[in-house]
Amino acid sequence: MTTTRGRTGRPPLSEERKAEIRLEIARAAVGLFAEQGVAATTGEQIGQAVGISARTLWRYFPSKESCVSPLFSAGIDAIAAALRQSRPGQPLQEVFERGVPTDDRFVAGPTRDTVGALVRLTRTEPGLRAVWLQSYDEAEPAFARALAEREGLPADDLRPAIRAAMFNAALRAAVEHYAWHTAREVTDAETAEAELAATFRTALAVAAQGVG
């Protein structure tokens, strides 16, 4: 007599559910970092905040600082999509007239109020700074592909790569300038979004002028 051997235990998580868990971890981490600092925050605390063990937490992220990477990389797909959907030759200031597109899954709720504080922490926390810069390093090829598609150029063409580098630098500089100089003075979400949009437009206008 033979028996059928099947898989036991919990069914594997879907990729969608894994992404949701990563987002939950990111939100918990950014809240703890903003409230008590990075050094005082442990993996156990982050895991406890979302109802998982530290062991499970490390399956998703290699370090406590990297837990916030979904928040840092939020909006990359939305920005790349906006680039692809724009008209060939259209000035980027017009494409992003209303500011930086975001994925609301990543910035909804209390997270919206703490992202500015998190970006400010990258000034003094080397681990967070490394994650922050890595997110932009990973974004640049996506922007280059989007710009190449919009202009009908080969993916390996140098011109969209250069434009993507300039755009990427302008985006990072705008977000950092806003976080470090403006965000703490803004008290409501509507004003915050308007101020960030204005900062972004200024950065793109300067980038469009070139290095002189």
Protein backbone atom coordinates (compact mmCIF):
# COMPACT_ATOMS: atom_id res chain seq x y z
CA MET A 1 0.00 0.00 0.00
CA THR A 2 1.34 3.38 -0.91
CA THR A 3 0.55 6.74 0.58
CA THR A 4 0.60 10.09 -1.11
CA ARG A 5 3.12 12.39 0.40
CA GLY A 6 1.96 15.95 0.36
CA ARG A 7 3.30 19.18 1.66
CA THR A 8 2.42 19.85 5.27
CA GLY A 9 2.32 23.02 7.30
CA ARG A 10 1.31 26.49 6.19
CA PRO A 11 0.91 27.18 2.47
CA PRO A 12 3.62 29.40 0.98
CA LEU A 13 2.94 33.11 1.00
CA SER A 14 2.05 34.80 -2.27
CA GLU A 15 4.35 37.49 -3.62
CA GLU A 16 1.59 40.01 -2.98
CA ARG A 17 1.37 39.00 0.68
CA LYS A 18 5.16 39.13 1.02
CA ALA A 19 5.09 42.68 -0.33
CA GLU A 20 2.40 43.59 2.19
CA ILE A 21 4.48 42.20 5.03
CA ARG A 22 7.55 44.12 3.85
CA LEU A 23 5.44 47.26 3.82
CA GLU A 24 4.13 46.59 7.33
CA ILE A 25 7.69 46.11 8.55
CA ALA A 26 8.81 49.32 6.83
CA ARG A 27 6.05 51.34 8.44
CA ALA A 28 6.84 49.93 11.86
CA ALA A 29 10.56 50.57 11.43
CA VAL A 30 10.18 54.16 10.28
CA GLY A 31 7.84 54.90 13.19
CA LEU A 32 10.29 53.48 15.72
CA PHE A 33 13.31 55.17 14.14
CA ALA A 34 11.57 58.55 14.14
CA GLU A 35 10.34 58.09 17.71
CA GLN A 36 13.39 56.68 19.48
CA GLY A 37 16.28 56.72 17.02
CA VAL A 38 18.01 53.96 15.08
CA ALA A 39 20.50 52.91 17.75
CA ALA A 40 17.78 52.40 20.36
CA THR A 41 15.61 50.34 18.00
CA THR A 42 16.08 46.58 17.78
CA GLY A 43 14.95 44.01 15.27
CA GLU A 44 12.91 42.41 18.02
CA GLN A 45 10.99 45.68 18.53
CA ILE A 46 10.30 46.06 14.83
CA GLY A 47 9.11 42.48 14.56
CA GLN A 48 6.95 42.80 17.67
CA ALA A 49 5.27 45.87 16.18
CA VAL A 50 4.00 43.79 13.25
CA GLY A 51 3.47 40.53 15.11
CA ILE A 52 6.42 38.53 13.81
CA SER A 53 9.62 37.21 15.36
CA ALA A 54 13.01 38.78 14.80
CA ARG A 55 14.01 35.57 13.01
CA THR A 56 11.18 36.08 10.51
CA LEU A 57 12.09 39.75 10.18
CA TRP A 58 15.62 38.88 9.04
CA ARG A 59 14.17 36.70 6.29
CA TYR A 60 12.79 39.86 4.73
CA PHE A 61 15.61 42.31 5.45
CA PRO A 62 19.33 41.86 6.14
CA SER A 63 19.52 44.71 8.67
CA LYS A 64 17.23 46.95 10.68
CA GLU A 65 18.19 49.95 8.53
CA SER A 66 17.20 48.14 5.34
CA CYS A 67 13.71 47.62 6.75
CA VAL A 68 12.77 51.09 5.51
CA SER A 69 13.82 50.43 1.91
CA PRO A 70 10.21 49.99 0.65
CA LEU A 71 9.49 53.54 1.81
CA PHE A 72 12.64 54.93 0.21
CA SER A 73 11.90 53.19 -3.09
CA ALA A 74 8.20 54.07 -3.08
CA GLY A 75 7.16 56.05 -6.11
CA ILE A 76 9.92 54.81 -8.43
CA ASP A 77 7.47 52.83 -10.54
CA ALA A 78 4.99 55.72 -10.52
CA ILE A 79 7.68 58.19 -11.61
CA ALA A 80 8.95 55.85 -14.34
CA ALA A 81 5.36 55.37 -15.56
CA ALA A 82 4.87 59.14 -15.70
CA LEU A 83 8.03 59.45 -17.78
CA ARG A 84 6.90 56.75 -20.21
CA GLN A 85 3.46 58.29 -20.62
CA SER A 86 4.76 61.79 -21.31
CA ARG A 87 5.14 63.22 -24.81
CA PRO A 88 8.52 62.94 -26.54
CA GLY A 89 10.44 66.13 -25.89
CA GLN A 90 7.97 67.37 -23.27
CA PRO A 91 9.82 69.36 -20.57
CA LEU A 92 10.00 67.35 -17.36
CA GLN A 93 8.73 70.37 -15.42
CA GLU A 94 5.43 69.92 -17.26
CA VAL A 95 5.38 66.15 -16.73
CA PHE A 96 5.69 66.67 -12.99
CA GLU A 97 3.73 69.88 -12.70
CA ARG A 98 1.93 68.52 -9.65
CA GLY A 99 5.05 67.18 -8.00
CA VAL A 100 6.48 63.73 -7.36
CA PRO A 101 4.06 60.84 -8.07
CA THR A 102 3.74 58.39 -5.19
CA ASP A 103 2.22 55.00 -4.54
CA ASP A 104 -0.41 55.63 -1.87
CA ARG A 105 0.12 52.15 -0.42
CA PHE A 106 3.48 53.33 0.83
CA VAL A 107 2.65 56.79 2.14
CA ALA A 108 -0.84 56.40 3.56
CA GLY A 109 -1.69 56.97 7.19
CA PRO A 110 0.87 57.88 9.85
CA THR A 111 3.78 57.02 7.54
CA ARG A 112 3.17 60.23 5.58
CA ASP A 113 4.01 62.27 8.66
CA THR A 114 7.28 60.47 9.40
CA VAL A 115 8.94 60.13 5.98
CA GLY A 116 10.38 63.64 6.29
CA ALA A 117 11.83 62.76 9.67
CA LEU A 118 13.26 59.56 8.20
CA VAL A 119 15.00 61.42 5.37
CA ARG A 120 16.45 63.83 7.93
CA LEU A 121 17.85 60.85 9.84
CA THR A 122 19.90 59.90 6.78
CA ARG A 123 22.10 62.89 7.59
CA THR A 124 23.30 61.39 10.85
CA GLU A 125 22.71 57.64 10.42
CA PRO A 126 25.23 56.05 8.01
CA GLY A 127 23.22 52.84 7.71
CA LEU A 128 20.09 54.70 6.65
CA ARG A 129 22.13 56.92 4.35
CA ALA A 130 23.46 53.85 2.56
CA VAL A 131 19.94 52.48 2.05
CA TRP A 132 18.73 55.90 0.88
CA LEU A 133 21.47 56.26 -1.72
CA GLN A 134 21.07 52.66 -2.87
CA SER A 135 17.40 53.28 -3.61
CA TYR A 136 18.36 56.09 -6.00
CA ASP A 137 21.15 54.01 -7.51
CA GLU A 138 18.58 51.32 -8.32
CA ALA A 139 16.09 53.89 -9.63
CA GLU A 140 18.40 55.41 -12.23
CA PRO A 141 18.31 52.49 -14.73
CA ALA A 142 14.50 52.42 -14.45
CA PHE A 143 14.36 56.11 -15.28
CA ALA A 144 16.79 55.63 -18.17
CA ARG A 145 14.63 52.87 -19.66
CA ALA A 146 11.51 55.03 -19.30
CA LEU A 147 13.17 58.02 -20.97
CA ALA A 148 14.50 55.83 -23.79
CA GLU A 149 11.01 54.43 -24.35
CA ARG A 150 9.46 57.89 -24.39
CA GLU A 151 11.99 59.14 -26.97
CA GLY A 152 11.95 55.95 -29.05
CA LEU A 153 15.65 55.32 -28.43
CA PRO A 154 17.48 52.04 -27.82
CA ALA A 155 17.62 51.02 -24.17
CA ASP A 156 21.43 51.23 -24.20
CA ASP A 157 21.57 54.72 -25.77
CA LEU A 158 23.80 57.11 -23.81
CA ARG A 159 21.46 60.11 -24.06
CA PRO A 160 18.59 58.80 -21.89
CA ALA A 161 21.19 57.45 -19.44
CA ILE A 162 22.66 60.94 -18.99
CA ARG A 163 19.21 62.51 -18.70
CA ALA A 164 18.20 59.88 -16.16
CA ALA A 165 21.29 60.63 -14.08
CA MET A 166 20.47 64.34 -14.05
CA PHE A 167 16.80 63.69 -13.30
CA ASN A 168 17.69 61.26 -10.52
CA ALA A 169 20.07 63.72 -8.89
CA ALA A 170 17.51 66.51 -9.10
CA LEU A 171 14.85 64.30 -7.53
CA ARG A 172 17.07 63.29 -4.61
CA ALA A 173 18.28 66.85 -4.03
CA ALA A 174 14.71 68.14 -4.03
CA VAL A 175 13.45 65.56 -1.54
CA GLU A 176 16.42 66.11 0.76
CA HIS A 177 16.13 69.91 0.58
CA TYR A 178 12.44 69.69 1.38
CA ALA A 179 12.99 67.28 4.28
CA TRP A 180 15.84 69.25 5.79
CA HIS A 181 14.61 72.80 5.25
CA THR A 182 10.84 72.83 4.81
CA ALA A 183 9.06 69.74 6.17
CA ARG A 184 9.41 70.62 9.85
CA GLU A 185 7.67 73.96 9.28
CA VAL A 186 4.63 72.45 7.52
CA THR A 187 1.68 71.35 9.64
CA ASP A 188 -0.86 69.95 7.15
CA ALA A 189 -0.66 67.37 4.35
CA GLU A 190 -2.04 69.63 1.61
CA THR A 191 0.55 72.32 2.23
CA ALA A 192 3.29 69.70 2.51
CA GLU A 193 2.45 68.25 -0.91
CA ALA A 194 2.32 71.73 -2.47
CA GLU A 195 5.69 72.68 -0.98
CA LEU A 196 7.31 69.44 -2.13
CA ALA A 197 5.89 69.92 -5.63
CA ALA A 198 7.30 73.45 -5.78
CA THR A 199 10.71 72.24 -4.61
CA PHE A 200 10.69 69.50 -7.23
CA ARG A 201 9.75 71.90 -10.03
CA THR A 202 12.60 74.21 -9.04
CA ALA A 203 15.08 71.32 -9.04
CA LEU A 204 13.96 70.17 -12.50
CA ALA A 205 14.16 73.70 -13.87
CA VAL A 206 17.75 74.03 -12.66
CA ALA A 207 18.62 70.61 -14.09
CA ALA A 208 17.11 71.61 -17.45
CA GLN A 209 19.47 74.60 -17.59
CA GLY A 210 22.48 72.24 -17.47
CA VAL A 211 25.75 72.86 -15.73
CA GLY A 212 26.41 76.13 -17.54
